[in-house]
Amino acid sequence: MNVIKAIELVGSSPEGFEEAVKHAIEEAKKTLRHIRRVEVVDFEVLMENDEIKMYQAKVKLYFMVER
């Protein structure tokens, strides 16, 4: 029987939302194995001087727990 764990992360990028999601996944892959699913929970932008400074994506990663 498999056990799946979920964590939430926020990825950021000055390029756009897609890059923010990719950044969150790439960082998670440095310490997690067996990622099975990624759910995009929310998008936000950080503004500075009436311009978009940073795109952020909140993601939920689901991965298998190793025994």
C-alpha atoms as a PDB file:
ATOM      1  CA  MET A   1       0.000   0.000   0.000  1.00  0.00           C
ATOM      2  CA  ASN A   2       1.312   3.456  -0.948  1.00  0.00           C
ATOM      3  CA  VAL A   3       1.249   6.485   1.314  1.00  0.00           C
ATOM      4  CA  ILE A   4       1.052   9.880  -0.376  1.00  0.00           C
ATOM      5  CA  LYS A   5       2.099  13.107   1.338  1.00  0.00           C
ATOM      6  CA  ALA A   6       1.165  16.632   0.220  1.00  0.00           C
ATOM      7  CA  ILE A   7       3.013  19.900   0.766  1.00  0.00           C
ATOM      8  CA  GLU A   8       2.376  23.455  -0.426  1.00  0.00           C
ATOM      9  CA  LEU A   9       5.061  25.617  -1.986  1.00  0.00           C
ATOM     10  CA  VAL A  10       5.197  29.046  -3.596  1.00  0.00           C
ATOM     11  CA  GLY A  11       7.301  29.479  -6.709  1.00  0.00           C
ATOM     12  CA  SER A  12       8.315  32.906  -8.002  1.00  0.00           C
ATOM     13  CA  SER A  13       9.530  34.255 -11.318  1.00  0.00           C
ATOM     14  CA  PRO A  14       9.842  37.657 -12.976  1.00  0.00           C
ATOM     15  CA  GLU A  15       9.036  35.913 -16.295  1.00  0.00           C
ATOM     16  CA  GLY A  16       5.456  34.713 -15.718  1.00  0.00           C
ATOM     17  CA  PHE A  17       3.156  32.239 -13.993  1.00  0.00           C
ATOM     18  CA  GLU A  18       4.301  29.187 -15.962  1.00  0.00           C
ATOM     19  CA  GLU A  19       7.915  29.833 -14.956  1.00  0.00           C
ATOM     20  CA  ALA A  20       6.858  30.310 -11.325  1.00  0.00           C
ATOM     21  CA  VAL A  21       5.202  26.862 -11.334  1.00  0.00           C
ATOM     22  CA  LYS A  22       8.249  25.293 -12.984  1.00  0.00           C
ATOM     23  CA  HIS A  23      10.541  26.920 -10.431  1.00  0.00           C
ATOM     24  CA  ALA A  24       8.543  25.481  -7.518  1.00  0.00           C
ATOM     25  CA  ILE A  25       8.696  21.992  -9.054  1.00  0.00           C
ATOM     26  CA  GLU A  26      12.416  22.194  -9.851  1.00  0.00           C
ATOM     27  CA  GLU A  27      13.243  23.286  -6.305  1.00  0.00           C
ATOM     28  CA  ALA A  28      11.079  20.512  -4.831  1.00  0.00           C
ATOM     29  CA  LYS A  29      12.845  17.909  -6.998  1.00  0.00           C
ATOM     30  CA  LYS A  30      16.126  18.762  -5.270  1.00  0.00           C
ATOM     31  CA  THR A  31      14.921  17.134  -2.025  1.00  0.00           C
ATOM     32  CA  LEU A  32      11.837  15.068  -2.952  1.00  0.00           C
ATOM     33  CA  ARG A  33      11.469  11.921  -4.995  1.00  0.00           C
ATOM     34  CA  HIS A  34       8.441  10.229  -6.529  1.00  0.00           C
ATOM     35  CA  ILE A  35       6.373  13.371  -7.120  1.00  0.00           C
ATOM     36  CA  ARG A  36       3.075  12.081  -8.477  1.00  0.00           C
ATOM     37  CA  ARG A  37       0.899  15.142  -8.947  1.00  0.00           C
ATOM     38  CA  VAL A  38       1.110  18.926  -8.853  1.00  0.00           C
ATOM     39  CA  GLU A  39      -1.986  21.038  -8.260  1.00  0.00           C
ATOM     40  CA  VAL A  40      -1.831  24.781  -8.940  1.00  0.00           C
ATOM     41  CA  VAL A  41      -3.755  26.342  -6.064  1.00  0.00           C
ATOM     42  CA  ASP A  42      -3.438  30.087  -6.660  1.00  0.00           C
ATOM     43  CA  PHE A  43      -1.705  32.813  -8.661  1.00  0.00           C
ATOM     44  CA  GLU A  44      -0.564  36.243  -7.424  1.00  0.00           C
ATOM     45  CA  VAL A  45       1.566  39.115  -8.657  1.00  0.00           C
ATOM     46  CA  LEU A  46       3.745  41.416  -6.605  1.00  0.00           C
ATOM     47  CA  MET A  47       3.562  45.037  -7.728  1.00  0.00           C
ATOM     48  CA  GLU A  48       6.109  47.828  -7.403  1.00  0.00           C
ATOM     49  CA  ASN A  49       5.658  51.362  -8.768  1.00  0.00           C
ATOM     50  CA  ASP A  50       2.448  50.271 -10.560  1.00  0.00           C
ATOM     51  CA  GLU A  51       4.312  47.549 -12.469  1.00  0.00           C
ATOM     52  CA  ILE A  52       4.434  43.787 -12.060  1.00  0.00           C
ATOM     53  CA  LYS A  53       7.601  42.920 -10.171  1.00  0.00           C
ATOM     54  CA  MET A  54       7.146  39.174  -9.600  1.00  0.00           C
ATOM     55  CA  TYR A  55       4.725  36.402 -10.552  1.00  0.00           C
ATOM     56  CA  GLN A  56       3.946  33.835  -7.864  1.00  0.00           C
ATOM     57  CA  ALA A  57       2.230  30.457  -8.044  1.00  0.00           C
ATOM     58  CA  LYS A  58       1.113  28.488  -5.004  1.00  0.00           C
ATOM     59  CA  VAL A  59       1.302  24.767  -5.780  1.00  0.00           C
ATOM     60  CA  LYS A  60       0.459  21.606  -3.881  1.00  0.00           C
ATOM     61  CA  LEU A  61       2.813  18.685  -4.545  1.00  0.00           C
ATOM     62  CA  TYR A  62       1.834  15.097  -3.881  1.00  0.00           C
ATOM     63  CA  PHE A  63       4.601  12.524  -3.519  1.00  0.00           C
ATOM     64  CA  MET A  64       5.022   8.940  -2.348  1.00  0.00           C
ATOM     65  CA  VAL A  65       6.459   8.348   1.115  1.00  0.00           C
ATOM     66  CA  GLU A  66       9.351   5.904   1.032  1.00  0.00           C
ATOM     67  CA  ARG A  67       9.591   3.141   3.564  1.00  0.00           C
END
